[in-house]
Amino acid sequence: MNENITKRNNLLSQKVIKGLESRNMTGYYAETKEEALRIALEIIPKGSSVTMGGAMSAHEIGLVEALKSSDYNFIDRDKAEDKRAAMLAAYDADIFLSSANAMTEDGIMINVDGNANRVSAIAQGPRKVLFIVGMNKVCKDLDSAMKRARNVAAPINAQRFGLSTPCTQTGSCMDCKSPDTICCQILITRFSRHKDRIHVILVNDNLGF
């Protein structure tokens, strides 16, 4: 990461962490992917049941691979014979892993979902939710965060899954009602009623989409 970008991210991360704290959430800052992995494993006790939504950022820092060891009960929905049962197990898990499609400088997170298993687990169920968020996803305010989620993250994810939506052709949101749309549910996480439930690791890197 460029030295000037790192300096900017160091400063901005402190503002984001203060914003998270004001919203009853806990924030951390990692200058490298390796540091992010170390912090994540300090948050997740060995023996925990862990599952996740579609969080590419957790893969990119090596967290998913680490959790598949025998020290954790990792519920892998991609390999489960009964995928519905695996998704439902998320609501009673110790730890749910996620990222954010975008977040604001004062600690509000935006997530857009198709099946809603990810946003529903963020909102309710798992004992703890751990977000891995690259600093590339931090936006000035709620309006710019929503625009990023709809016009950057959603089209890329729709293309990644090979879906037939207008945004896969245009590269930006068309506010469609396509049967393939992944913008079915939009969750704004602005406060956690339960202290110590939501943890956010900000990473000095470009992670996810």
Protein backbone atom coordinates (compact mmCIF):
# COMPACT_ATOMS: atom_id res chain seq x y z
CA MET A 1 0.00 0.00 0.00
CA ASN A 2 1.29 3.46 -0.95
CA GLU A 3 2.78 5.34 2.02
CA ASN A 4 0.53 8.38 1.54
CA ILE A 5 -2.58 6.23 1.29
CA THR A 6 -1.55 4.39 4.44
CA LYS A 7 -1.11 7.69 6.29
CA ARG A 8 -4.56 8.82 5.18
CA ASN A 9 -6.10 5.47 6.16
CA ASN A 10 -4.43 5.59 9.58
CA LEU A 11 -6.00 8.97 10.28
CA LEU A 12 -9.42 8.17 8.81
CA SER A 13 -9.66 4.85 10.64
CA GLN A 14 -9.52 6.64 13.99
CA LYS A 15 -12.57 8.70 13.02
CA VAL A 16 -14.43 5.57 11.91
CA ILE A 17 -13.55 3.73 15.14
CA LYS A 18 -14.83 6.64 17.25
CA GLY A 19 -18.01 6.57 15.19
CA LEU A 20 -18.43 2.86 15.81
CA GLU A 21 -17.86 3.32 19.54
CA SER A 22 -20.57 6.00 19.63
CA ARG A 23 -22.90 3.40 18.09
CA ASN A 24 -22.14 0.72 20.71
CA MET A 25 -19.89 -1.22 18.33
CA THR A 26 -16.18 -2.04 18.62
CA GLY A 27 -13.66 -1.05 15.98
CA TYR A 28 -10.06 -2.09 15.28
CA TYR A 29 -7.50 -1.03 12.69
CA ALA A 30 -5.01 -3.32 10.96
CA GLU A 31 -2.24 -1.97 8.74
CA THR A 32 -1.86 -5.34 6.98
CA LYS A 33 -3.91 -8.40 6.15
CA GLU A 34 -1.72 -10.42 8.49
CA GLU A 35 -2.48 -8.07 11.38
CA ALA A 36 -6.19 -8.23 10.53
CA LEU A 37 -6.05 -12.04 10.71
CA ARG A 38 -4.31 -11.89 14.10
CA ILE A 39 -6.93 -9.52 15.52
CA ALA A 40 -9.78 -11.65 14.16
CA LEU A 41 -8.42 -14.82 15.77
CA GLU A 42 -8.05 -12.98 19.08
CA ILE A 43 -11.75 -12.06 18.90
CA ILE A 44 -12.89 -15.60 17.99
CA PRO A 45 -12.32 -18.09 20.85
CA LYS A 46 -11.17 -21.58 19.91
CA GLY A 47 -14.05 -24.02 19.89
CA SER A 48 -16.51 -21.38 18.64
CA SER A 49 -19.15 -22.21 16.07
CA VAL A 50 -18.51 -19.89 13.14
CA THR A 51 -20.36 -19.27 9.91
CA MET A 52 -20.57 -16.49 7.37
CA GLY A 53 -22.37 -14.71 4.59
CA GLY A 54 -20.67 -13.99 1.30
CA ALA A 55 -17.67 -12.15 2.75
CA MET A 56 -14.83 -12.13 0.24
CA SER A 57 -12.79 -9.95 2.61
CA ALA A 58 -12.68 -12.75 5.20
CA HIS A 59 -11.22 -15.04 2.53
CA GLU A 60 -8.70 -12.41 1.41
CA ILE A 61 -7.10 -12.01 4.85
CA GLY A 62 -6.86 -15.82 5.26
CA LEU A 63 -9.49 -16.00 8.02
CA VAL A 64 -11.74 -18.62 6.44
CA GLU A 65 -8.83 -20.99 5.84
CA ALA A 66 -7.68 -20.54 9.45
CA LEU A 67 -11.16 -21.26 10.81
CA LYS A 68 -11.46 -24.51 8.89
CA SER A 69 -8.87 -26.05 11.24
CA SER A 70 -9.99 -28.47 13.96
CA ASP A 71 -9.83 -25.68 16.56
CA TYR A 72 -13.16 -24.25 15.39
CA ASN A 73 -16.59 -25.51 14.39
CA PHE A 74 -16.78 -23.84 10.99
CA ILE A 75 -20.18 -24.28 9.34
CA ASP A 76 -19.42 -24.29 5.62
CA ARG A 77 -22.67 -23.73 3.77
CA ASP A 78 -20.94 -24.15 0.39
CA LYS A 79 -20.11 -27.76 1.24
CA ALA A 80 -23.26 -28.58 3.21
CA GLU A 81 -25.66 -31.12 1.71
CA ASP A 82 -28.56 -29.20 3.22
CA LYS A 83 -27.75 -25.57 2.46
CA ARG A 84 -30.92 -24.29 4.07
CA ALA A 85 -30.04 -26.01 7.34
CA ALA A 86 -26.53 -24.55 7.16
CA MET A 87 -27.92 -21.05 6.65
CA LEU A 88 -30.39 -21.48 9.53
CA ALA A 89 -27.54 -22.63 11.77
CA ALA A 90 -26.07 -19.15 11.41
CA TYR A 91 -28.73 -17.71 13.70
CA ASP A 92 -27.50 -19.77 16.63
CA ALA A 93 -23.77 -19.50 15.86
CA ASP A 94 -21.23 -18.00 18.24
CA ILE A 95 -19.67 -15.91 15.47
CA PHE A 96 -21.03 -14.68 12.15
CA LEU A 97 -18.50 -13.31 9.64
CA SER A 98 -19.41 -10.58 7.23
CA SER A 99 -18.12 -7.55 5.44
CA ALA A 100 -19.89 -4.36 4.46
CA ASN A 101 -20.77 -3.22 0.96
CA ALA A 102 -20.02 0.29 2.22
CA MET A 103 -19.68 2.22 5.46
CA THR A 104 -19.62 5.85 6.49
CA GLU A 105 -16.85 7.78 8.19
CA ASP A 106 -19.00 7.92 11.33
CA GLY A 107 -19.54 4.16 11.53
CA ILE A 108 -22.79 3.31 9.73
CA MET A 109 -22.67 0.15 7.59
CA ILE A 110 -24.68 -0.67 4.45
CA ASN A 111 -25.32 -4.21 3.22
CA VAL A 112 -27.33 -5.23 0.16
CA ASP A 113 -28.55 -8.82 -0.09
CA GLY A 114 -30.46 -11.11 -2.41
CA ASN A 115 -31.53 -14.05 -0.23
CA ALA A 116 -31.34 -11.95 2.97
CA ASN A 117 -29.60 -14.70 4.97
CA ARG A 118 -26.61 -12.39 5.46
CA VAL A 119 -28.44 -9.21 6.43
CA SER A 120 -30.88 -11.06 8.68
CA ALA A 121 -28.01 -12.72 10.59
CA ILE A 122 -26.27 -9.35 10.97
CA ALA A 123 -29.45 -7.90 12.44
CA GLN A 124 -30.41 -10.74 14.78
CA GLY A 125 -29.31 -14.18 15.95
CA PRO A 126 -25.57 -14.89 16.18
CA ARG A 127 -23.93 -14.02 19.48
CA LYS A 128 -21.25 -11.92 17.76
CA VAL A 129 -20.89 -10.48 14.29
CA LEU A 130 -17.37 -9.80 13.02
CA PHE A 131 -16.98 -7.50 10.01
CA ILE A 132 -13.79 -7.41 7.92
CA VAL A 133 -13.83 -4.11 6.01
CA GLY A 134 -11.19 -2.74 3.65
CA MET A 135 -10.65 1.01 3.88
CA ASN A 136 -11.69 1.21 0.21
CA LYS A 137 -15.29 0.83 1.40
CA VAL A 138 -15.31 3.87 3.69
CA CYS A 139 -17.45 6.69 2.29
CA LYS A 140 -18.05 10.26 3.42
CA ASP A 141 -21.70 9.92 4.43
CA LEU A 142 -24.79 7.71 4.23
CA ASP A 143 -25.78 8.93 0.76
CA SER A 144 -22.36 8.16 -0.76
CA ALA A 145 -22.25 4.81 1.07
CA MET A 146 -25.61 3.82 -0.36
CA LYS A 147 -24.47 4.84 -3.83
CA ARG A 148 -21.33 2.72 -3.44
CA ALA A 149 -23.33 -0.31 -2.33
CA ARG A 150 -25.76 -0.02 -5.23
CA ASN A 151 -23.43 1.18 -8.02
CA VAL A 152 -20.12 -0.54 -7.19
CA ALA A 153 -20.63 -3.59 -4.97
CA ALA A 154 -23.93 -4.80 -6.40
CA PRO A 155 -22.96 -4.78 -10.12
CA ILE A 156 -19.65 -6.53 -9.40
CA ASN A 157 -21.33 -9.20 -7.29
CA ALA A 158 -24.07 -9.69 -9.90
CA GLN A 159 -21.36 -10.18 -12.55
CA ARG A 160 -19.44 -12.52 -10.24
CA PHE A 161 -22.50 -14.76 -9.85
CA GLY A 162 -23.32 -14.64 -13.58
CA LEU A 163 -26.73 -13.06 -12.98
CA SER A 164 -28.90 -11.52 -15.67
CA THR A 165 -29.51 -8.03 -14.32
CA PRO A 166 -29.28 -4.65 -16.06
CA CYS A 167 -26.31 -3.64 -13.90
CA THR A 168 -24.22 -6.50 -15.29
CA GLN A 169 -24.54 -4.82 -18.69
CA THR A 170 -24.28 -1.16 -17.65
CA GLY A 171 -21.95 -1.41 -14.62
CA SER A 172 -24.25 0.68 -12.44
CA CYS A 173 -27.58 0.28 -10.66
CA MET A 174 -30.71 0.59 -12.78
CA ASP A 175 -33.04 0.15 -9.78
CA CYS A 176 -34.32 -2.99 -11.48
CA LYS A 177 -36.97 -5.51 -10.52
CA SER A 178 -35.26 -8.32 -12.37
CA PRO A 179 -35.89 -11.86 -11.04
CA ASP A 180 -32.09 -12.06 -10.62
CA THR A 181 -31.74 -8.84 -8.65
CA ILE A 182 -29.49 -9.07 -5.58
CA CYS A 183 -30.80 -5.76 -4.22
CA CYS A 184 -33.78 -7.37 -2.48
CA GLN A 185 -32.98 -6.35 1.08
CA ILE A 186 -30.91 -3.36 2.19
CA LEU A 187 -29.72 -3.21 5.80
CA ILE A 188 -28.48 -0.04 7.47
CA THR A 189 -26.61 -0.89 10.66
CA ARG A 190 -26.45 2.38 12.61
CA PHE A 191 -26.43 1.16 16.24
CA SER A 192 -26.03 -2.08 18.20
CA ARG A 193 -28.43 -2.45 21.09
CA HIS A 194 -26.24 -5.24 22.48
CA LYS A 195 -22.77 -4.14 23.58
CA ASP A 196 -19.86 -6.37 22.47
CA ARG A 197 -21.96 -8.02 19.74
CA ILE A 198 -20.67 -6.19 16.65
CA HIS A 199 -16.92 -5.94 15.98
CA VAL A 200 -15.40 -4.26 12.91
CA ILE A 201 -11.81 -4.74 11.74
CA LEU A 202 -10.80 -1.98 9.34
CA VAL A 203 -7.96 -3.06 7.06
CA ASN A 204 -5.45 -0.81 5.31
CA ASP A 205 -6.05 -2.55 1.98
CA ASN A 206 -8.52 -2.82 -0.89
CA LEU A 207 -10.67 -5.79 0.09
CA GLY A 208 -13.81 -7.22 -1.45
CA PHE A 209 -16.02 -5.25 -3.80
